Every structure is written in structure tokens, then in C-alpha cells.
Amino acid sequence: MGPEGAVSILYKKELQEAEDPKKLQKELAAKYRSEIANPYIADEKGYIDEVIDPAETRKKLITAFETLENKYVDQPSRKHGNIPL
């Protein structure tokens, strides 16, 4: 969902009561885009680990999959089995 759609849902009442709803929607969408729909702010606040440049996405994915290639998780044995019903 883009900023325009989010603003139309979040600020529905304010937009209906405004004298110029189109202008208010553009202002709120710009504010939403700069404050909420910005990955760099989420990165600064620690909500995400990092912002990956689109040109580096393939390299990051390959590295992550290579790291996980030989991962083994030792599962504990089950205490109780399924009884036939």
C-alpha cells in the first residue's frame, strides 16, 4: 500500500471534514512518506537490521544462503508419540 492509500484510510475523518481534501491528502501523504514509509528512519530506530541497496540484493541473498547451506538444528527426541485413535 502506498502513502496515498494509507493516508486515505488513516485520516479518513479528517479528509472528509477538510475544506480542500485533495490538498490535505497530498500534505499528509508527503508527511507519511518522509516520516513513516522511509526505511532509513526505521534503520535508525533499530526496527530493521539494515537497508540493502538494490544493486547488492543478489550478493546478500547468495551470502545468506551459503551461510545456511550446512546448518543443522539438533531436534530433541519426542517425549510422547501419537497414540492411535
C-alpha atoms as a PDB file:
ATOM      1  CA  MET A   1       0.000   0.000   0.000  1.00  0.00           C
ATOM      2  CA  GLY A   2       1.350   3.383  -0.928  1.00  0.00           C
ATOM      3  CA  PRO A   3       1.306   6.529   1.180  1.00  0.00           C
ATOM      4  CA  GLU A   4      -1.802   7.868  -0.583  1.00  0.00           C
ATOM      5  CA  GLY A   5      -3.795   4.734   0.228  1.00  0.00           C
ATOM      6  CA  ALA A   6      -2.581   4.652   3.802  1.00  0.00           C
ATOM      7  CA  VAL A   7      -3.453   8.325   4.325  1.00  0.00           C
ATOM      8  CA  SER A   8      -6.928   7.824   2.884  1.00  0.00           C
ATOM      9  CA  ILE A   9      -7.537   5.081   5.457  1.00  0.00           C
ATOM     10  CA  LEU A  10      -5.768   6.580   8.473  1.00  0.00           C
ATOM     11  CA  TYR A  11      -7.068  10.123   8.060  1.00  0.00           C
ATOM     12  CA  LYS A  12     -10.483   9.372   6.550  1.00  0.00           C
ATOM     13  CA  LYS A  13     -12.412  11.521   9.016  1.00  0.00           C
ATOM     14  CA  GLU A  14     -10.033  14.486   8.714  1.00  0.00           C
ATOM     15  CA  LEU A  15     -10.156  14.307   4.924  1.00  0.00           C
ATOM     16  CA  GLN A  16     -13.969  14.295   4.899  1.00  0.00           C
ATOM     17  CA  GLU A  17     -14.122  17.342   7.178  1.00  0.00           C
ATOM     18  CA  ALA A  18     -11.414  19.334   5.350  1.00  0.00           C
ATOM     19  CA  GLU A  19     -12.232  22.266   3.071  1.00  0.00           C
ATOM     20  CA  ASP A  20      -9.742  21.079   0.441  1.00  0.00           C
ATOM     21  CA  PRO A  21      -9.364  17.299   0.872  1.00  0.00           C
ATOM     22  CA  LYS A  22      -7.046  16.853  -2.149  1.00  0.00           C
ATOM     23  CA  LYS A  23      -4.535  19.374  -0.797  1.00  0.00           C
ATOM     24  CA  LEU A  24      -4.699  17.905   2.708  1.00  0.00           C
ATOM     25  CA  GLN A  25      -4.232  14.385   1.317  1.00  0.00           C
ATOM     26  CA  LYS A  26      -1.120  15.479  -0.606  1.00  0.00           C
ATOM     27  CA  GLU A  27       0.321  17.127   2.525  1.00  0.00           C
ATOM     28  CA  LEU A  28      -0.425  14.115   4.714  1.00  0.00           C
ATOM     29  CA  ALA A  29       0.971  11.735   2.077  1.00  0.00           C
ATOM     30  CA  ALA A  30       4.213  13.739   1.921  1.00  0.00           C
ATOM     31  CA  LYS A  31       4.451  13.676   5.720  1.00  0.00           C
ATOM     32  CA  TYR A  32       3.694   9.929   5.790  1.00  0.00           C
ATOM     33  CA  ARG A  33       6.289   9.262   3.088  1.00  0.00           C
ATOM     34  CA  SER A  34       9.011  11.204   4.926  1.00  0.00           C
ATOM     35  CA  GLU A  35       8.272  10.008   8.469  1.00  0.00           C
ATOM     36  CA  ILE A  36       6.838   6.505   8.205  1.00  0.00           C
ATOM     37  CA  ALA A  37       7.441   4.996   4.752  1.00  0.00           C
ATOM     38  CA  ASN A  38      11.170   5.679   4.954  1.00  0.00           C
ATOM     39  CA  PRO A  39      13.492   2.703   5.503  1.00  0.00           C
ATOM     40  CA  TYR A  40      16.327   4.888   6.768  1.00  0.00           C
ATOM     41  CA  ILE A  41      14.296   6.104   9.742  1.00  0.00           C
ATOM     42  CA  ALA A  42      13.353   2.514  10.600  1.00  0.00           C
ATOM     43  CA  ASP A  43      17.056   1.635  10.393  1.00  0.00           C
ATOM     44  CA  GLU A  44      17.999   4.498  12.735  1.00  0.00           C
ATOM     45  CA  LYS A  45      15.399   3.386  15.280  1.00  0.00           C
ATOM     46  CA  GLY A  46      16.603  -0.227  15.103  1.00  0.00           C
ATOM     47  CA  TYR A  47      13.389  -1.695  13.706  1.00  0.00           C
ATOM     48  CA  ILE A  48      15.313  -3.344  10.855  1.00  0.00           C
ATOM     49  CA  ASP A  49      18.851  -4.684  10.634  1.00  0.00           C
ATOM     50  CA  GLU A  50      19.983  -2.810   7.537  1.00  0.00           C
ATOM     51  CA  VAL A  51      18.837  -1.180   4.323  1.00  0.00           C
ATOM     52  CA  ILE A  52      20.154  -3.129   1.344  1.00  0.00           C
ATOM     53  CA  ASP A  53      20.999  -1.304  -1.853  1.00  0.00           C
ATOM     54  CA  PRO A  54      19.036  -2.919  -4.712  1.00  0.00           C
ATOM     55  CA  ALA A  55      22.269  -3.480  -6.639  1.00  0.00           C
ATOM     56  CA  GLU A  56      23.599  -5.604  -3.743  1.00  0.00           C
ATOM     57  CA  THR A  57      20.466  -7.676  -3.104  1.00  0.00           C
ATOM     58  CA  ARG A  58      21.589 -10.716  -5.119  1.00  0.00           C
ATOM     59  CA  LYS A  59      25.002 -10.776  -3.418  1.00  0.00           C
ATOM     60  CA  LYS A  60      23.428 -10.513   0.054  1.00  0.00           C
ATOM     61  CA  LEU A  61      20.962 -13.339  -0.667  1.00  0.00           C
ATOM     62  CA  ILE A  62      23.671 -15.629  -2.034  1.00  0.00           C
ATOM     63  CA  THR A  63      25.839 -14.991   1.019  1.00  0.00           C
ATOM     64  CA  ALA A  64      22.925 -15.690   3.374  1.00  0.00           C
ATOM     65  CA  PHE A  65      22.015 -18.947   1.608  1.00  0.00           C
ATOM     66  CA  GLU A  66      25.650 -20.079   1.574  1.00  0.00           C
ATOM     67  CA  THR A  67      25.841 -19.413   5.305  1.00  0.00           C
ATOM     68  CA  LEU A  68      22.727 -21.514   5.921  1.00  0.00           C
ATOM     69  CA  GLU A  69      23.688 -24.302   3.499  1.00  0.00           C
ATOM     70  CA  ASN A  70      25.232 -26.616   6.107  1.00  0.00           C
ATOM     71  CA  LYS A  71      23.172 -25.512   9.088  1.00  0.00           C
ATOM     72  CA  TYR A  72      21.972 -28.334  11.267  1.00  0.00           C
ATOM     73  CA  VAL A  73      19.490 -27.993  14.101  1.00  0.00           C
ATOM     74  CA  ASP A  74      19.515 -30.838  16.588  1.00  0.00           C
ATOM     75  CA  GLN A  75      15.895 -31.542  17.477  1.00  0.00           C
ATOM     76  CA  PRO A  76      15.271 -33.176  20.859  1.00  0.00           C
ATOM     77  CA  SER A  77      13.580 -36.563  20.753  1.00  0.00           C
ATOM     78  CA  ARG A  78       9.848 -36.580  21.395  1.00  0.00           C
ATOM     79  CA  LYS A  79       8.679 -37.443  24.857  1.00  0.00           C
ATOM     80  CA  HIS A  80       5.310 -38.687  23.729  1.00  0.00           C
ATOM     81  CA  GLY A  81       4.296 -40.223  20.453  1.00  0.00           C
ATOM     82  CA  ASN A  82       0.907 -40.061  18.787  1.00  0.00           C
ATOM     83  CA  ILE A  83      -1.337 -42.791  20.071  1.00  0.00           C
ATOM     84  CA  PRO A  84      -3.641 -44.404  17.513  1.00  0.00           C
ATOM     85  CA  LEU A  85      -7.231 -43.334  17.977  1.00  0.00           C
END
